[in-house]
Amino acid sequence: TGEGQFELTKMGVLESARGRKAGEFLLHAVIARARALGAERLYLLSN
């Protein structure tokens, strides 16, 4: 969304996989990927 700026968005896990820690595993990977992309600012919008 800007130079060095990323929105973590559209994160979803199917109900059939809930309880397997798939969301946590994915979120760790996404944070690492944001760093690799040079993110200086990582944010999210939710409800």
PDB file of all heavy atoms in Angstrom:
ATOM      1  N   THR A   1       0.815  -1.217   0.000  1.00  0.00           N
ATOM      2  CA  THR A   1       0.000   0.000   0.000  1.00  0.00           C
ATOM      3  C   THR A   1       0.847   1.265   0.000  1.00  0.00           C
ATOM      4  O   THR A   1       0.315   2.366   0.111  1.00  0.00           O
ATOM      5  CB  THR A   1      -0.953   0.016   1.218  1.00  0.00           C
ATOM      6  OG1 THR A   1      -0.175  -0.079   2.413  1.00  0.00           O
ATOM      7  CG2 THR A   1      -1.944  -1.136   1.156  1.00  0.00           C
ATOM      8  N   GLY A   2       2.143   1.090  -0.125  1.00  0.00           N
ATOM      9  CA  GLY A   2       3.052   2.230  -0.159  1.00  0.00           C
ATOM     10  C   GLY A   2       4.474   1.714  -0.085  1.00  0.00           C
ATOM     11  O   GLY A   2       4.701   0.507   0.068  1.00  0.00           O
ATOM     12  N   GLU A   3       5.439   2.605  -0.199  1.00  0.00           N
ATOM     13  CA  GLU A   3       6.837   2.196  -0.128  1.00  0.00           C
ATOM     14  C   GLU A   3       7.136   1.613   1.248  1.00  0.00           C
ATOM     15  O   GLU A   3       6.954   2.277   2.265  1.00  0.00           O
ATOM     16  CB  GLU A   3       7.756   3.396  -0.408  1.00  0.00           C
ATOM     17  CG  GLU A   3       9.187   2.999  -0.662  1.00  0.00           C
ATOM     18  CD  GLU A   3       9.359   2.037  -1.826  1.00  0.00           C
ATOM     19  OE1 GLU A   3       8.697   2.214  -2.861  1.00  0.00           O
ATOM     20  OE2 GLU A   3      10.163   1.091  -1.689  1.00  0.00           O
ATOM     21  N   GLY A   4       7.527   0.333   1.294  1.00  0.00           N
ATOM     22  CA  GLY A   4       7.840  -0.326   2.556  1.00  0.00           C
ATOM     23  C   GLY A   4       6.637  -0.575   3.447  1.00  0.00           C
ATOM     24  O   GLY A   4       6.774  -0.850   4.633  1.00  0.00           O
ATOM     25  N   GLN A   5       5.433  -0.491   2.870  1.00  0.00           N
ATOM     26  CA  GLN A   5       4.207  -0.593   3.664  1.00  0.00           C
ATOM     27  C   GLN A   5       3.285  -1.669   3.088  1.00  0.00           C
ATOM     28  O   GLN A   5       3.025  -1.678   1.884  1.00  0.00           O
ATOM     29  CB  GLN A   5       3.510   0.762   3.623  1.00  0.00           C
ATOM     30  CG  GLN A   5       2.189   0.819   4.349  1.00  0.00           C
ATOM     31  CD  GLN A   5       1.710   2.238   4.438  1.00  0.00           C
ATOM     32  OE1 GLN A   5       2.169   2.990   5.279  1.00  0.00           O
ATOM     33  NE2 GLN A   5       0.791   2.620   3.576  1.00  0.00           N
ATOM     34  N   PHE A   6       2.817  -2.570   3.954  1.00  0.00           N
ATOM     35  CA  PHE A   6       1.964  -3.670   3.524  1.00  0.00           C
ATOM     36  C   PHE A   6       0.782  -3.841   4.459  1.00  0.00           C
ATOM     37  O   PHE A   6       0.918  -3.717   5.675  1.00  0.00           O
ATOM     38  CB  PHE A   6       2.756  -4.987   3.505  1.00  0.00           C
ATOM     39  CG  PHE A   6       3.819  -5.025   2.451  1.00  0.00           C
ATOM     40  CD1 PHE A   6       5.063  -4.472   2.701  1.00  0.00           C
ATOM     41  CD2 PHE A   6       3.569  -5.587   1.209  1.00  0.00           C
ATOM     42  CE1 PHE A   6       6.055  -4.493   1.726  1.00  0.00           C
ATOM     43  CE2 PHE A   6       4.553  -5.607   0.229  1.00  0.00           C
ATOM     44  CZ  PHE A   6       5.804  -5.064   0.488  1.00  0.00           C
ATOM     45  N   GLU A   7      -0.357  -4.168   3.858  1.00  0.00           N
ATOM     46  CA  GLU A   7      -1.532  -4.560   4.624  1.00  0.00           C
ATOM     47  C   GLU A   7      -1.637  -6.074   4.598  1.00  0.00           C
ATOM     48  O   GLU A   7      -1.622  -6.688   3.526  1.00  0.00           O
ATOM     49  CB  GLU A   7      -2.803  -3.953   4.027  1.00  0.00           C
ATOM     50  CG  GLU A   7      -4.060  -4.382   4.777  1.00  0.00           C
ATOM     51  CD  GLU A   7      -5.353  -3.902   4.133  1.00  0.00           C
ATOM     52  OE1 GLU A   7      -5.302  -3.154   3.144  1.00  0.00           O
ATOM     53  OE2 GLU A   7      -6.423  -4.306   4.626  1.00  0.00           O
ATOM     54  N   LEU A   8      -1.720  -6.688   5.767  1.00  0.00           N
ATOM     55  CA  LEU A   8      -2.014  -8.107   5.871  1.00  0.00           C
ATOM     56  C   LEU A   8      -3.521  -8.203   5.679  1.00  0.00           C
ATOM     57  O   LEU A   8      -4.286  -7.612   6.439  1.00  0.00           O
ATOM     58  CB  LEU A   8      -1.596  -8.622   7.247  1.00  0.00           C
ATOM     59  CG  LEU A   8      -1.702 -10.120   7.472  1.00  0.00           C
ATOM     60  CD1 LEU A   8      -0.645 -10.550   8.476  1.00  0.00           C
ATOM     61  CD2 LEU A   8      -3.073 -10.534   7.925  1.00  0.00           C
ATOM     62  N   THR A   9      -3.954  -8.898   4.638  1.00  0.00           N
ATOM     63  CA  THR A   9      -5.365  -8.888   4.297  1.00  0.00           C
ATOM     64  C   THR A   9      -5.812 -10.235   3.735  1.00  0.00           C
ATOM     65  O   THR A   9      -4.984 -11.052   3.331  1.00  0.00           O
ATOM     66  CB  THR A   9      -5.663  -7.751   3.290  1.00  0.00           C
ATOM     67  OG1 THR A   9      -7.066  -7.639   3.089  1.00  0.00           O
ATOM     68  CG2 THR A   9      -4.950  -7.955   1.963  1.00  0.00           C
ATOM     69  N   LYS A  10      -7.085 -10.434   3.746  1.00  0.00           N
ATOM     70  CA  LYS A  10      -7.690 -11.642   3.181  1.00  0.00           C
ATOM     71  C   LYS A  10      -7.062 -12.907   3.753  1.00  0.00           C
ATOM     72  O   LYS A  10      -6.640 -13.798   3.038  1.00  0.00           O
ATOM     73  CB  LYS A  10      -7.612 -11.636   1.653  1.00  0.00           C
ATOM     74  CG  LYS A  10      -8.228 -10.414   0.998  1.00  0.00           C
ATOM     75  CD  LYS A  10      -9.723 -10.333   1.267  1.00  0.00           C
ATOM     76  CE  LYS A  10     -10.356  -9.115   0.644  1.00  0.00           C
ATOM     77  NZ  LYS A  10     -10.461  -7.983   1.568  1.00  0.00           N
ATOM     78  N   MET A  11      -7.016 -12.976   5.077  1.00  0.00           N
ATOM     79  CA  MET A  11      -6.523 -14.184   5.739  1.00  0.00           C
ATOM     80  C   MET A  11      -7.716 -15.031   6.149  1.00  0.00           C
ATOM     81  O   MET A  11      -8.578 -14.577   6.898  1.00  0.00           O
ATOM     82  CB  MET A  11      -5.690 -13.849   6.967  1.00  0.00           C
ATOM     83  CG  MET A  11      -5.162 -15.098   7.641  1.00  0.00           C
ATOM     84  SD  MET A  11      -3.921 -14.731   8.877  1.00  0.00           S
ATOM     85  CE  MET A  11      -3.777 -16.336   9.623  1.00  0.00           C
ATOM     86  N   GLY A  12      -7.750 -16.241   5.627  1.00  0.00           N
ATOM     87  CA  GLY A  12      -8.838 -17.137   5.965  1.00  0.00           C
ATOM     88  C   GLY A  12      -8.354 -18.577   6.014  1.00  0.00           C
ATOM     89  O   GLY A  12      -7.408 -18.948   5.326  1.00  0.00           O
ATOM     90  N   VAL A  13      -9.011 -19.379   6.841  1.00  0.00           N
ATOM     91  CA  VAL A  13      -8.741 -20.806   6.946  1.00  0.00           C
ATOM     92  C   VAL A  13     -10.093 -21.516   6.890  1.00  0.00           C
ATOM     93  O   VAL A  13     -11.048 -21.097   7.553  1.00  0.00           O
ATOM     94  CB  VAL A  13      -7.995 -21.147   8.256  1.00  0.00           C
ATOM     95  CG1 VAL A  13      -7.860 -22.653   8.423  1.00  0.00           C
ATOM     96  CG2 VAL A  13      -6.626 -20.475   8.292  1.00  0.00           C
ATOM     97  N   LEU A  14     -10.162 -22.571   6.100  1.00  0.00           N
ATOM     98  CA  LEU A  14     -11.406 -23.327   5.987  1.00  0.00           C
ATOM     99  C   LEU A  14     -11.804 -23.931   7.321  1.00  0.00           C
ATOM    100  O   LEU A  14     -10.950 -24.349   8.106  1.00  0.00           O
ATOM    101  CB  LEU A  14     -11.244 -24.455   4.956  1.00  0.00           C
ATOM    102  CG  LEU A  14     -11.009 -24.029   3.513  1.00  0.00           C
ATOM    103  CD1 LEU A  14     -10.767 -25.251   2.639  1.00  0.00           C
ATOM    104  CD2 LEU A  14     -12.184 -23.213   2.975  1.00  0.00           C
ATOM    105  N   GLU A  15     -13.110 -23.996   7.561  1.00  0.00           N
ATOM    106  CA  GLU A  15     -13.600 -24.580   8.810  1.00  0.00           C
ATOM    107  C   GLU A  15     -13.096 -26.007   8.996  1.00  0.00           C
ATOM    108  O   GLU A  15     -12.829 -26.437  10.115  1.00  0.00           O
ATOM    109  CB  GLU A  15     -15.129 -24.558   8.840  1.00  0.00           C
ATOM    110  CG  GLU A  15     -15.686 -23.185   9.149  1.00  0.00           C
ATOM    111  CD  GLU A  15     -17.177 -23.210   9.384  1.00  0.00           C
ATOM    112  OE1 GLU A  15     -17.665 -24.154  10.044  1.00  0.00           O
ATOM    113  OE2 GLU A  15     -17.847 -22.278   8.920  1.00  0.00           O
ATOM    114  N   SER A  16     -12.948 -26.744   7.902  1.00  0.00           N
ATOM    115  CA  SER A  16     -12.509 -28.141   7.982  1.00  0.00           C
ATOM    116  C   SER A  16     -11.107 -28.293   8.566  1.00  0.00           C
ATOM    117  O   SER A  16     -10.727 -29.366   9.020  1.00  0.00           O
ATOM    118  CB  SER A  16     -12.538 -28.793   6.595  1.00  0.00           C
ATOM    119  OG  SER A  16     -11.663 -28.108   5.708  1.00  0.00           O
ATOM    120  N   ALA A  17     -10.338 -27.200   8.587  1.00  0.00           N
ATOM    121  CA  ALA A  17      -8.957 -27.258   9.086  1.00  0.00           C
ATOM    122  C   ALA A  17      -8.788 -26.564  10.429  1.00  0.00           C
ATOM    123  O   ALA A  17      -7.680 -26.540  10.975  1.00  0.00           O
ATOM    124  CB  ALA A  17      -8.008 -26.632   8.066  1.00  0.00           C
ATOM    125  N   ARG A  18      -9.853 -26.001  10.956  1.00  0.00           N
ATOM    126  CA  ARG A  18      -9.721 -25.284  12.224  1.00  0.00           C
ATOM    127  C   ARG A  18      -9.303 -26.252  13.322  1.00  0.00           C
ATOM    128  O   ARG A  18      -9.664 -27.416  13.314  1.00  0.00           O
ATOM    129  CB  ARG A  18     -11.039 -24.582  12.562  1.00  0.00           C
ATOM    130  CG  ARG A  18     -11.407 -23.594  11.464  1.00  0.00           C
ATOM    131  CD  ARG A  18     -11.742 -22.219  11.931  1.00  0.00           C
ATOM    132  NE  ARG A  18     -11.845 -21.319  10.787  1.00  0.00           N
ATOM    133  CZ  ARG A  18     -12.977 -20.882  10.277  1.00  0.00           C
ATOM    134  NH1 ARG A  18     -14.126 -21.222  10.806  1.00  0.00           N
ATOM    135  NH2 ARG A  18     -12.959 -20.059   9.244  1.00  0.00           N
ATOM    136  N   GLY A  19      -8.484 -25.739  14.252  1.00  0.00           N
ATOM    137  CA  GLY A  19      -7.992 -26.569  15.333  1.00  0.00           C
ATOM    138  C   GLY A  19      -6.644 -27.206  15.040  1.00  0.00           C
ATOM    139  O   GLY A  19      -6.044 -27.817  15.914  1.00  0.00           O
ATOM    140  N   ARG A  20      -6.164 -27.062  13.829  1.00  0.00           N
ATOM    141  CA  ARG A  20      -4.873 -27.634  13.442  1.00  0.00           C
ATOM    142  C   ARG A  20      -3.733 -26.613  13.524  1.00  0.00           C
ATOM    143  O   ARG A  20      -2.623 -26.908  13.116  1.00  0.00           O
ATOM    144  CB  ARG A  20      -4.928 -28.167  12.009  1.00  0.00           C
ATOM    145  CG  ARG A  20      -5.839 -29.342  11.831  1.00  0.00           C
ATOM    146  CD  ARG A  20      -5.902 -29.716  10.354  1.00  0.00           C
ATOM    147  NE  ARG A  20      -6.734 -30.876  10.161  1.00  0.00           N
ATOM    148  CZ  ARG A  20      -6.281 -32.041   9.715  1.00  0.00           C
ATOM    149  NH1 ARG A  20      -5.005 -32.182   9.420  1.00  0.00           N
ATOM    150  NH2 ARG A  20      -7.097 -33.047   9.565  1.00  0.00           N
ATOM    151  N   LYS A  21      -4.038 -25.395  13.977  1.00  0.00           N
ATOM    152  CA  LYS A  21      -3.059 -24.307  14.072  1.00  0.00           C
ATOM    153  C   LYS A  21      -2.588 -23.833  12.693  1.00  0.00           C
ATOM    154  O   LYS A  21      -1.520 -23.248  12.559  1.00  0.00           O
ATOM    155  CB  LYS A  21      -1.853 -24.699  14.933  1.00  0.00           C
ATOM    156  CG  LYS A  21      -2.226 -25.128  16.335  1.00  0.00           C
ATOM    157  CD  LYS A  21      -2.052 -23.992  17.270  1.00  0.00           C
ATOM    158  CE  LYS A  21      -2.298 -24.437  18.710  1.00  0.00           C
ATOM    159  NZ  LYS A  21      -2.725 -23.381  19.535  1.00  0.00           N
ATOM    160  N   ALA A  22      -3.384 -24.096  11.661  1.00  0.00           N
ATOM    161  CA  ALA A  22      -3.028 -23.689  10.300  1.00  0.00           C
ATOM    162  C   ALA A  22      -2.958 -22.165  10.188  1.00  0.00           C
ATOM    163  O   ALA A  22      -2.075 -21.627   9.518  1.00  0.00           O
ATOM    164  CB  ALA A  22      -4.028 -24.253   9.295  1.00  0.00           C
ATOM    165  N   GLY A  23      -3.867 -21.463  10.861  1.00  0.00           N
ATOM    166  CA  GLY A  23      -3.856 -20.002  10.813  1.00  0.00           C
ATOM    167  C   GLY A  23      -2.607 -19.423  11.451  1.00  0.00           C
ATOM    168  O   GLY A  23      -1.992 -18.503  10.911  1.00  0.00           O
ATOM    169  N   GLU A  24      -2.218 -19.966  12.585  1.00  0.00           N
ATOM    170  CA  GLU A  24      -1.017 -19.491  13.265  1.00  0.00           C
ATOM    171  C   GLU A  24       0.231 -19.783  12.428  1.00  0.00           C
ATOM    172  O   GLU A  24       1.114 -18.931  12.291  1.00  0.00           O
ATOM    173  CB  GLU A  24      -0.895 -20.156  14.638  1.00  0.00           C
ATOM    174  CG  GLU A  24       0.261 -19.631  15.455  1.00  0.00           C
ATOM    175  CD  GLU A  24       0.269 -20.161  16.881  1.00  0.00           C
ATOM    176  OE1 GLU A  24      -0.762 -20.691  17.357  1.00  0.00           O
ATOM    177  OE2 GLU A  24       1.329 -20.042  17.530  1.00  0.00           O
ATOM    178  N   PHE A  25       0.298 -20.969  11.855  1.00  0.00           N
ATOM    179  CA  PHE A  25       1.412 -21.360  11.000  1.00  0.00           C
ATOM    180  C   PHE A  25       1.512 -20.407   9.804  1.00  0.00           C
ATOM    181  O   PHE A  25       2.593 -19.914   9.466  1.00  0.00           O
ATOM    182  CB  PHE A  25       1.178 -22.801  10.526  1.00  0.00           C
ATOM    183  CG  PHE A  25       2.317 -23.406   9.754  1.00  0.00           C
ATOM    184  CD1 PHE A  25       3.488 -23.782  10.389  1.00  0.00           C
ATOM    185  CD2 PHE A  25       2.191 -23.635   8.391  1.00  0.00           C
ATOM    186  CE1 PHE A  25       4.531 -24.367   9.670  1.00  0.00           C
ATOM    187  CE2 PHE A  25       3.220 -24.227   7.674  1.00  0.00           C
ATOM    188  CZ  PHE A  25       4.393 -24.589   8.307  1.00  0.00           C
ATOM    189  N   LEU A  26       0.367 -20.116   9.193  1.00  0.00           N
ATOM    190  CA  LEU A  26       0.311 -19.207   8.050  1.00  0.00           C
ATOM    191  C   LEU A  26       0.706 -17.790   8.446  1.00  0.00           C
ATOM    192  O   LEU A  26       1.482 -17.134   7.745  1.00  0.00           O
ATOM    193  CB  LEU A  26      -1.106 -19.221   7.456  1.00  0.00           C
ATOM    194  CG  LEU A  26      -1.384 -18.308   6.265  1.00  0.00           C
ATOM    195  CD1 LEU A  26      -0.458 -18.613   5.093  1.00  0.00           C
ATOM    196  CD2 LEU A  26      -2.844 -18.438   5.846  1.00  0.00           C
ATOM    197  N   LEU A  27       0.216 -17.316   9.581  1.00  0.00           N
ATOM    198  CA  LEU A  27       0.517 -15.957  10.016  1.00  0.00           C
ATOM    199  C   LEU A  27       2.013 -15.774  10.282  1.00  0.00           C
ATOM    200  O   LEU A  27       2.591 -14.749   9.904  1.00  0.00           O
ATOM    201  CB  LEU A  27      -0.306 -15.591  11.256  1.00  0.00           C
ATOM    202  CG  LEU A  27      -0.237 -14.141  11.711  1.00  0.00           C
ATOM    203  CD1 LEU A  27      -0.583 -13.160  10.595  1.00  0.00           C
ATOM    204  CD2 LEU A  27      -1.163 -13.921  12.901  1.00  0.00           C
ATOM    205  N   HIS A  28       2.650 -16.754  10.898  1.00  0.00           N
ATOM    206  CA  HIS A  28       4.110 -16.688  11.091  1.00  0.00           C
ATOM    207  C   HIS A  28       4.818 -16.539   9.744  1.00  0.00           C
ATOM    208  O   HIS A  28       5.736 -15.732   9.594  1.00  0.00           O
ATOM    209  CB  HIS A  28       4.629 -17.947  11.803  1.00  0.00           C
ATOM    210  CG  HIS A  28       4.504 -17.925  13.288  1.00  0.00           C
ATOM    211  ND1 HIS A  28       5.256 -17.095  14.085  1.00  0.00           N
ATOM    212  CD2 HIS A  28       3.713 -18.638  14.121  1.00  0.00           C
ATOM    213  CE1 HIS A  28       4.934 -17.305  15.355  1.00  0.00           C
ATOM    214  NE2 HIS A  28       4.000 -18.229  15.410  1.00  0.00           N
ATOM    215  N   ALA A  29       4.389 -17.335   8.759  1.00  0.00           N
ATOM    216  CA  ALA A  29       5.005 -17.298   7.428  1.00  0.00           C
ATOM    217  C   ALA A  29       4.780 -15.951   6.743  1.00  0.00           C
ATOM    218  O   ALA A  29       5.683 -15.424   6.080  1.00  0.00           O
ATOM    219  CB  ALA A  29       4.456 -18.429   6.565  1.00  0.00           C
ATOM    220  N   VAL A  30       3.601 -15.384   6.912  1.00  0.00           N
ATOM    221  CA  VAL A  30       3.281 -14.102   6.274  1.00  0.00           C
ATOM    222  C   VAL A  30       4.104 -12.974   6.897  1.00  0.00           C
ATOM    223  O   VAL A  30       4.605 -12.100   6.179  1.00  0.00           O
ATOM    224  CB  VAL A  30       1.761 -13.823   6.357  1.00  0.00           C
ATOM    225  CG1 VAL A  30       1.441 -12.396   5.961  1.00  0.00           C
ATOM    226  CG2 VAL A  30       1.013 -14.808   5.471  1.00  0.00           C
ATOM    227  N   ILE A  31       4.277 -12.992   8.198  1.00  0.00           N
ATOM    228  CA  ILE A  31       5.112 -11.977   8.855  1.00  0.00           C
ATOM    229  C   ILE A  31       6.553 -12.079   8.348  1.00  0.00           C
ATOM    230  O   ILE A  31       7.181 -11.077   8.025  1.00  0.00           O
ATOM    231  CB  ILE A  31       5.036 -12.105  10.393  1.00  0.00           C
ATOM    232  CG1 ILE A  31       3.636 -11.705  10.882  1.00  0.00           C
ATOM    233  CG2 ILE A  31       6.106 -11.246  11.065  1.00  0.00           C
ATOM    234  CD1 ILE A  31       3.346 -12.071  12.339  1.00  0.00           C
ATOM    235  N   ALA A  32       7.062 -13.304   8.249  1.00  0.00           N
ATOM    236  CA  ALA A  32       8.422 -13.505   7.725  1.00  0.00           C
ATOM    237  C   ALA A  32       8.519 -13.021   6.284  1.00  0.00           C
ATOM    238  O   ALA A  32       9.519 -12.401   5.889  1.00  0.00           O
ATOM    239  CB  ALA A  32       8.809 -14.977   7.824  1.00  0.00           C
ATOM    240  N   ARG A  33       7.478 -13.275   5.496  1.00  0.00           N
ATOM    241  CA  ARG A  33       7.485 -12.842   4.088  1.00  0.00           C
ATOM    242  C   ARG A  33       7.444 -11.316   4.005  1.00  0.00           C
ATOM    243  O   ARG A  33       8.099 -10.722   3.147  1.00  0.00           O
ATOM    244  CB  ARG A  33       6.292 -13.471   3.341  1.00  0.00           C
ATOM    245  CG  ARG A  33       6.248 -13.126   1.881  1.00  0.00           C
ATOM    246  CD  ARG A  33       7.412 -13.721   1.115  1.00  0.00           C
ATOM    247  NE  ARG A  33       7.325 -13.366  -0.281  1.00  0.00           N
ATOM    248  CZ  ARG A  33       8.328 -12.831  -0.977  1.00  0.00           C
ATOM    249  NH1 ARG A  33       9.510 -12.639  -0.412  1.00  0.00           N
ATOM    250  NH2 ARG A  33       8.164 -12.514  -2.233  1.00  0.00           N
ATOM    251  N   ALA A  34       6.699 -10.671   4.875  1.00  0.00           N
ATOM    252  CA  ALA A  34       6.642  -9.205   4.890  1.00  0.00           C
ATOM    253  C   ALA A  34       8.037  -8.632   5.147  1.00  0.00           C
ATOM    254  O   ALA A  34       8.464  -7.690   4.475  1.00  0.00           O
ATOM    255  CB  ALA A  34       5.656  -8.718   5.944  1.00  0.00           C
ATOM    256  N   ARG A  35       8.740  -9.217   6.100  1.00  0.00           N
ATOM    257  CA  ARG A  35      10.118  -8.779   6.374  1.00  0.00           C
ATOM    258  C   ARG A  35      10.991  -8.968   5.135  1.00  0.00           C
ATOM    259  O   ARG A  35      11.778  -8.090   4.781  1.00  0.00           O
ATOM    260  CB  ARG A  35      10.707  -9.570   7.533  1.00  0.00           C
ATOM    261  CG  ARG A  35      10.150  -9.223   8.894  1.00  0.00           C
ATOM    262  CD  ARG A  35      10.880 -10.055   9.970  1.00  0.00           C
ATOM    263  NE  ARG A  35      10.223 -10.052  11.240  1.00  0.00           N
ATOM    264  CZ  ARG A  35      10.305  -9.085  12.149  1.00  0.00           C
ATOM    265  NH1 ARG A  35      11.020  -8.011  11.915  1.00  0.00           N
ATOM    266  NH2 ARG A  35       9.661  -9.179  13.295  1.00  0.00           N
ATOM    267  N   ALA A  36      10.865 -10.118   4.468  1.00  0.00           N
ATOM    268  CA  ALA A  36      11.671 -10.417   3.278  1.00  0.00           C
ATOM    269  C   ALA A  36      11.371  -9.442   2.139  1.00  0.00           C
ATOM    270  O   ALA A  36      12.249  -9.135   1.327  1.00  0.00           O
ATOM    271  CB  ALA A  36      11.426 -11.853   2.820  1.00  0.00           C
ATOM    272  N   LEU A  37      10.141  -8.939   2.096  1.00  0.00           N
ATOM    273  CA  LEU A  37       9.754  -7.968   1.064  1.00  0.00           C
ATOM    274  C   LEU A  37      10.184  -6.548   1.428  1.00  0.00           C
ATOM    275  O   LEU A  37       9.941  -5.621   0.673  1.00  0.00           O
ATOM    276  CB  LEU A  37       8.237  -8.000   0.840  1.00  0.00           C
ATOM    277  CG  LEU A  37       7.686  -9.245   0.137  1.00  0.00           C
ATOM    278  CD1 LEU A  37       6.162  -9.250   0.179  1.00  0.00           C
ATOM    279  CD2 LEU A  37       8.190  -9.312  -1.300  1.00  0.00           C
ATOM    280  N   GLY A  38      10.796  -6.393   2.599  1.00  0.00           N
ATOM    281  CA  GLY A  38      11.281  -5.082   3.012  1.00  0.00           C
ATOM    282  C   GLY A  38      10.258  -4.225   3.724  1.00  0.00           C
ATOM    283  O   GLY A  38      10.383  -2.996   3.760  1.00  0.00           O
ATOM    284  N   ALA A  39       9.264  -4.857   4.307  1.00  0.00           N
ATOM    285  CA  ALA A  39       8.222  -4.101   5.009  1.00  0.00           C
ATOM    286  C   ALA A  39       8.818  -3.313   6.167  1.00  0.00           C
ATOM    287  O   ALA A  39       9.579  -3.838   6.972  1.00  0.00           O
ATOM    288  CB  ALA A  39       7.136  -5.031   5.529  1.00  0.00           C
ATOM    289  N   GLU A  40       8.469  -2.048   6.218  1.00  0.00           N
ATOM    290  CA  GLU A  40       8.810  -1.189   7.350  1.00  0.00           C
ATOM    291  C   GLU A  40       7.572  -0.956   8.199  1.00  0.00           C
ATOM    292  O   GLU A  40       7.662  -0.557   9.350  1.00  0.00           O
ATOM    293  CB  GLU A  40       9.358   0.142   6.835  1.00  0.00           C
ATOM    294  CG  GLU A  40      10.649  -0.028   6.040  1.00  0.00           C
ATOM    295  CD  GLU A  40      11.042   1.231   5.266  1.00  0.00           C
ATOM    296  OE1 GLU A  40      10.429   2.299   5.480  1.00  0.00           O
ATOM    297  OE2 GLU A  40      11.958   1.121   4.438  1.00  0.00           O
ATOM    298  N   ARG A  41       6.423  -1.223   7.597  1.00  0.00           N
ATOM    299  CA  ARG A  41       5.142  -1.044   8.271  1.00  0.00           C
ATOM    300  C   ARG A  41       4.213  -2.169   7.810  1.00  0.00           C
ATOM    301  O   ARG A  41       3.995  -2.345   6.614  1.00  0.00           O
ATOM    302  CB  ARG A  41       4.580   0.315   7.891  1.00  0.00           C
ATOM    303  CG  ARG A  41       3.460   0.820   8.749  1.00  0.00           C
ATOM    304  CD  ARG A  41       3.227   2.284   8.363  1.00  0.00           C
ATOM    305  NE  ARG A  41       2.164   2.874   9.118  1.00  0.00           N
ATOM    306  CZ  ARG A  41       1.357   3.819   8.640  1.00  0.00           C
ATOM    307  NH1 ARG A  41       1.539   4.288   7.417  1.00  0.00           N
ATOM    308  NH2 ARG A  41       0.409   4.321   9.377  1.00  0.00           N
ATOM    309  N   LEU A  42       3.695  -2.932   8.764  1.00  0.00           N
ATOM    310  CA  LEU A  42       2.774  -4.030   8.473  1.00  0.00           C
ATOM    311  C   LEU A  42       1.546  -3.827   9.345  1.00  0.00           C
ATOM    312  O   LEU A  42       1.651  -3.768  10.571  1.00  0.00           O
ATOM    313  CB  LEU A  42       3.442  -5.380   8.777  1.00  0.00           C
ATOM    314  CG  LEU A  42       2.574  -6.631   8.605  1.00  0.00           C
ATOM    315  CD1 LEU A  42       2.091  -6.785   7.169  1.00  0.00           C
ATOM    316  CD2 LEU A  42       3.344  -7.869   9.066  1.00  0.00           C
ATOM    317  N   TYR A  43       0.395  -3.728   8.725  1.00  0.00           N
ATOM    318  CA  TYR A  43      -0.825  -3.467   9.472  1.00  0.00           C
ATOM    319  C   TYR A  43      -1.955  -4.329   8.945  1.00  0.00           C
ATOM    320  O   TYR A  43      -1.844  -4.964   7.880  1.00  0.00           O
ATOM    321  CB  TYR A  43      -1.205  -1.979   9.395  1.00  0.00           C
ATOM    322  CG  TYR A  43      -1.607  -1.525   8.012  1.00  0.00           C
ATOM    323  CD1 TYR A  43      -2.940  -1.509   7.632  1.00  0.00           C
ATOM    324  CD2 TYR A  43      -0.655  -1.114   7.076  1.00  0.00           C
ATOM    325  CE1 TYR A  43      -3.318  -1.110   6.364  1.00  0.00           C
ATOM    326  CE2 TYR A  43      -1.020  -0.704   5.821  1.00  0.00           C
ATOM    327  CZ  TYR A  43      -2.360  -0.702   5.457  1.00  0.00           C
ATOM    328  OH  TYR A  43      -2.730  -0.310   4.191  1.00  0.00           O
ATOM    329  N   LEU A  44      -3.047  -4.355   9.684  1.00  0.00           N
ATOM    330  CA  LEU A  44      -4.240  -5.078   9.242  1.00  0.00           C
ATOM    331  C   LEU A  44      -5.479  -4.332   9.715  1.00  0.00           C
ATOM    332  O   LEU A  44      -5.436  -3.543  10.656  1.00  0.00           O
ATOM    333  CB  LEU A  44      -4.230  -6.517   9.753  1.00  0.00           C
ATOM    334  CG  LEU A  44      -4.266  -6.745  11.267  1.00  0.00           C
ATOM    335  CD1 LEU A  44      -5.697  -6.749  11.815  1.00  0.00           C
ATOM    336  CD2 LEU A  44      -3.591  -8.064  11.605  1.00  0.00           C
ATOM    337  N   LEU A  45      -6.570  -4.608   9.017  1.00  0.00           N
ATOM    338  CA  LEU A  45      -7.876  -4.051   9.335  1.00  0.00           C
ATOM    339  C   LEU A  45      -8.816  -5.223   9.581  1.00  0.00           C
ATOM    340  O   LEU A  45      -8.774  -6.211   8.852  1.00  0.00           O
ATOM    341  CB  LEU A  45      -8.396  -3.204   8.173  1.00  0.00           C
ATOM    342  CG  LEU A  45      -7.464  -2.079   7.723  1.00  0.00           C
ATOM    343  CD1 LEU A  45      -7.986  -1.440   6.436  1.00  0.00           C
ATOM    344  CD2 LEU A  45      -7.321  -1.036   8.820  1.00  0.00           C
ATOM    345  N   SER A  46      -9.644  -5.131  10.611  1.00  0.00           N
ATOM    346  CA  SER A  46     -10.521  -6.249  10.941  1.00  0.00           C
ATOM    347  C   SER A  46     -11.809  -5.729  11.563  1.00  0.00           C
ATOM    348  O   SER A  46     -12.119  -4.543  11.485  1.00  0.00           O
ATOM    349  CB  SER A  46      -9.792  -7.216  11.895  1.00  0.00           C
ATOM    350  OG  SER A  46     -10.524  -8.409  12.030  1.00  0.00           O
ATOM    351  N   ASN A  47     -12.541  -6.636  12.183  1.00  0.00           N
ATOM    352  CA  ASN A  47     -13.789  -6.310  12.853  1.00  0.00           C
ATOM    353  C   ASN A  47     -13.829  -7.075  14.165  1.00  0.00           C
ATOM    354  O   ASN A  47     -13.393  -8.229  14.231  1.00  0.00           O
ATOM    355  CB  ASN A  47     -14.978  -6.698  11.968  1.00  0.00           C
ATOM    356  CG  ASN A  47     -16.302  -6.322  12.596  1.00  0.00           C
ATOM    357  OD1 ASN A  47     -16.769  -6.977  13.523  1.00  0.00           O
ATOM    358  ND2 ASN A  47     -16.916  -5.259  12.111  1.00  0.00           N
TER     359      ASN A  47
END
